[in-house]
Amino acid sequence: MARSAPLAAEPGVEMGVLQPGQPVPGDTGLVLLCGSKAVRADLAALRKEGWDIDILAHVRRGGVVIGLCGGYQMLGRRIADPDGIAGPPGESAGLSLLDIDTVLTGDKTLASVRGVDIATGAVLHGYEIHVGRTTGPDTKRPMLDLDGRADGAVSADGRVMGCYVHGLFAADGLRAAFLG
């Protein structure tokens, strides 16, 4: 879990950042996996702490998971880095909570974006900064529409989702719609 200042400022929302050795609390409503510059190494660290098991149990209990950027990539089946763009070349199994695969590439995306959350219609703004291309069946259910360009993926039950937009919850309307 990571801290998101706009979410943490909302009345009735209690947020925490997990420290090594702490489990994901059983009464957690939302697990938020944030971005990462070294996604495969951070995924390995997540696994070392046992948080992968906690996140899977959270989903089995009906909890919601959102992955942003590198967190989105972690939610898929696999992250491949054949050219060593973000660490040693190789491939890592993801959490398999979304039916997607990511291949890290040398092309870096850096852009301000505006759009809407498809589930709620709420307007959003933020920015993209990532390397990689994500594909797979769950991208047919995108999370966001960024001025006509689909971004992200949503699981069939709607409880696991991810996208490449940072700063997503800074948009008051989206935050209110999501929490509502």
Protein backbone atom coordinates (compact mmCIF):
# COMPACT_ATOMS: atom_id res chain seq x y z
CA MET A 1 0.00 0.00 0.00
CA ALA A 2 1.18 3.50 -0.65
CA ARG A 3 0.17 6.90 0.57
CA SER A 4 -1.91 9.13 -1.69
CA ALA A 5 -2.26 12.61 -0.15
CA PRO A 6 -5.62 13.47 -1.78
CA LEU A 7 -7.16 10.18 -0.63
CA ALA A 8 -5.67 10.49 2.85
CA ALA A 9 -7.22 13.97 3.22
CA GLU A 10 -10.75 12.66 2.65
CA PRO A 11 -13.00 12.44 5.73
CA GLY A 12 -13.41 8.86 6.87
CA VAL A 13 -10.45 7.55 4.88
CA GLU A 14 -7.64 6.02 6.88
CA MET A 15 -4.49 5.23 4.95
CA GLY A 16 -1.25 3.60 5.85
CA VAL A 17 2.02 2.70 4.23
CA LEU A 18 3.18 -0.84 4.94
CA GLN A 19 6.59 -1.19 6.48
CA PRO A 20 8.74 -4.31 6.06
CA GLY A 21 7.47 -7.08 8.30
CA GLN A 22 3.89 -5.75 8.46
CA PRO A 23 1.07 -7.71 6.83
CA VAL A 24 -1.72 -6.11 4.82
CA PRO A 25 -4.40 -5.58 7.50
CA GLY A 26 -7.35 -7.93 7.10
CA ASP A 27 -9.88 -5.09 7.20
CA THR A 28 -8.25 -3.14 4.35
CA GLY A 29 -10.78 -1.92 1.78
CA LEU A 30 -8.35 -0.84 -0.94
CA VAL A 31 -4.80 -1.86 -1.76
CA LEU A 32 -3.05 0.78 -3.85
CA LEU A 33 0.11 -0.29 -5.67
CA CYS A 34 1.99 2.76 -6.88
CA GLY A 35 4.59 3.35 -9.55
CA SER A 36 8.13 2.05 -9.54
CA LYS A 37 11.34 2.79 -11.44
CA ALA A 38 12.50 -0.80 -10.97
CA VAL A 39 9.24 -2.73 -11.28
CA ARG A 40 10.70 -6.26 -11.34
CA ALA A 41 12.96 -5.59 -8.33
CA ASP A 42 10.08 -3.97 -6.43
CA LEU A 43 7.81 -6.90 -7.27
CA ALA A 44 10.48 -9.25 -5.89
CA ALA A 45 10.64 -7.14 -2.70
CA LEU A 46 6.84 -7.26 -2.42
CA ARG A 47 7.01 -11.04 -2.66
CA LYS A 48 9.85 -11.25 -0.14
CA GLU A 49 7.59 -9.51 2.41
CA GLY A 50 4.73 -11.92 1.65
CA TRP A 51 2.53 -9.08 0.47
CA ASP A 52 1.67 -11.00 -2.70
CA ILE A 53 -0.08 -13.60 -0.54
CA ASP A 54 -1.82 -10.86 1.48
CA ILE A 55 -3.00 -9.10 -1.69
CA LEU A 56 -4.38 -12.33 -3.17
CA ALA A 57 -6.21 -13.03 0.11
CA HIS A 58 -7.53 -9.45 0.10
CA VAL A 59 -9.01 -10.00 -3.36
CA ARG A 60 -10.51 -13.37 -2.33
CA ARG A 61 -12.23 -11.56 0.57
CA GLY A 62 -13.80 -9.09 -1.87
CA GLY A 63 -11.28 -6.25 -1.55
CA VAL A 64 -10.34 -3.78 -4.26
CA VAL A 65 -6.86 -3.36 -5.76
CA ILE A 66 -5.68 -0.47 -7.92
CA GLY A 67 -2.28 -0.43 -9.59
CA LEU A 68 -0.79 2.77 -10.93
CA CYS A 69 1.99 2.58 -13.51
CA GLY A 70 4.49 0.01 -12.19
CA GLY A 71 1.80 -1.19 -9.79
CA TYR A 72 -0.45 -1.76 -12.82
CA GLN A 73 2.30 -3.79 -14.49
CA MET A 74 2.70 -5.91 -11.32
CA LEU A 75 -1.00 -6.86 -11.44
CA GLY A 76 -0.52 -8.73 -14.72
CA ARG A 77 0.70 -12.20 -15.59
CA ARG A 78 4.23 -11.25 -16.59
CA ILE A 79 6.70 -8.40 -16.86
CA ALA A 80 9.45 -8.92 -19.43
CA ASP A 81 12.55 -6.74 -19.68
CA PRO A 82 14.50 -8.40 -22.50
CA ASP A 83 16.91 -5.47 -22.98
CA GLY A 84 17.55 -4.65 -19.31
CA ILE A 85 15.77 -1.28 -19.47
CA ALA A 86 14.88 -1.20 -15.75
CA GLY A 87 17.38 -3.66 -14.29
CA PRO A 88 18.96 -6.92 -15.38
CA PRO A 89 17.40 -8.48 -18.50
CA GLY A 90 14.82 -11.10 -17.70
CA GLU A 91 11.21 -11.84 -16.97
CA SER A 92 9.14 -11.93 -13.79
CA ALA A 93 5.78 -13.52 -13.07
CA GLY A 94 3.27 -10.89 -12.00
CA LEU A 95 0.45 -11.25 -9.47
CA SER A 96 -1.91 -12.53 -12.23
CA LEU A 97 -4.82 -10.43 -10.97
CA LEU A 98 -5.25 -8.93 -14.43
CA ASP A 99 -5.00 -10.84 -17.70
CA ILE A 100 -2.25 -8.62 -19.12
CA ASP A 101 1.44 -8.83 -19.98
CA THR A 102 4.00 -6.03 -20.03
CA VAL A 103 7.18 -5.77 -22.08
CA LEU A 104 9.53 -2.99 -20.98
CA THR A 105 10.92 -1.07 -23.94
CA GLY A 106 13.38 1.77 -24.45
CA ASP A 107 10.57 4.13 -25.49
CA LYS A 108 9.63 6.35 -22.56
CA THR A 109 6.19 7.92 -22.32
CA LEU A 110 6.07 11.30 -20.59
CA ALA A 111 2.89 13.35 -20.98
CA SER A 112 0.22 15.29 -19.14
CA VAL A 113 -3.16 13.66 -19.68
CA ARG A 114 -6.84 14.42 -19.24
CA GLY A 115 -9.76 12.11 -19.61
CA VAL A 116 -12.52 10.26 -17.83
CA ASP A 117 -12.84 7.22 -15.61
CA ILE A 118 -14.95 4.86 -17.69
CA ALA A 119 -16.80 3.30 -14.73
CA THR A 120 -18.00 6.61 -13.26
CA GLY A 121 -17.64 9.16 -16.05
CA ALA A 122 -15.66 11.36 -13.65
CA VAL A 123 -13.19 13.77 -15.23
CA LEU A 124 -9.52 13.26 -14.34
CA HIS A 125 -6.10 14.69 -14.98
CA GLY A 126 -2.62 13.48 -14.25
CA TYR A 127 0.53 12.44 -16.03
CA GLU A 128 2.13 9.41 -17.58
CA ILE A 129 5.79 8.57 -17.11
CA HIS A 130 6.64 4.97 -17.92
CA VAL A 131 8.47 2.54 -20.11
CA GLY A 132 6.70 -0.50 -21.44
CA ARG A 133 3.81 -1.74 -23.48
CA THR A 134 0.95 -3.58 -21.79
CA THR A 135 -1.37 -5.85 -23.74
CA GLY A 136 -3.84 -8.63 -23.02
CA PRO A 137 -7.52 -9.52 -22.84
CA ASP A 138 -8.29 -7.32 -19.81
CA THR A 139 -7.19 -4.20 -21.75
CA LYS A 140 -10.46 -4.69 -23.67
CA ARG A 141 -12.02 -3.35 -20.43
CA PRO A 142 -9.94 -0.18 -20.03
CA MET A 143 -10.04 1.82 -16.81
CA LEU A 144 -9.70 5.24 -18.43
CA ASP A 145 -10.49 7.11 -21.63
CA LEU A 146 -7.73 9.66 -22.18
CA ASP A 147 -9.19 11.90 -24.87
CA GLY A 148 -10.20 8.93 -27.01
CA ARG A 149 -7.25 6.67 -26.10
CA ALA A 150 -7.98 3.71 -23.84
CA ASP A 151 -5.66 3.26 -20.85
CA GLY A 152 -5.44 0.49 -18.32
CA ALA A 153 -7.42 -2.63 -17.60
CA VAL A 154 -10.20 -3.80 -15.28
CA SER A 155 -10.86 -7.35 -14.12
CA ALA A 156 -14.14 -9.00 -15.11
CA ASP A 157 -15.55 -8.48 -11.59
CA GLY A 158 -14.40 -4.83 -11.50
CA ARG A 159 -12.44 -5.20 -8.25
CA VAL A 160 -8.93 -5.13 -9.72
CA MET A 161 -7.87 -2.31 -12.01
CA GLY A 162 -4.83 -0.46 -13.16
CA CYS A 163 -3.63 2.30 -15.43
CA TYR A 164 -0.55 4.32 -16.33
CA VAL A 165 -1.80 7.67 -14.94
CA HIS A 166 -0.03 9.16 -11.91
CA GLY A 167 -1.89 11.73 -9.79
CA LEU A 168 -5.21 10.11 -10.59
CA PHE A 169 -6.82 10.87 -7.22
CA ALA A 170 -5.92 14.58 -7.33
CA ALA A 171 -9.08 15.08 -9.42
CA ASP A 172 -11.81 15.93 -6.91
CA GLY A 173 -14.65 14.50 -9.03
CA LEU A 174 -12.91 11.20 -9.66
CA ARG A 175 -11.93 10.83 -6.01
CA ALA A 176 -15.51 11.54 -4.88
CA ALA A 177 -16.97 9.14 -7.44
CA PHE A 178 -14.49 6.41 -6.53
CA LEU A 179 -15.09 6.74 -2.80
CA GLY A 180 -18.86 6.97 -3.32
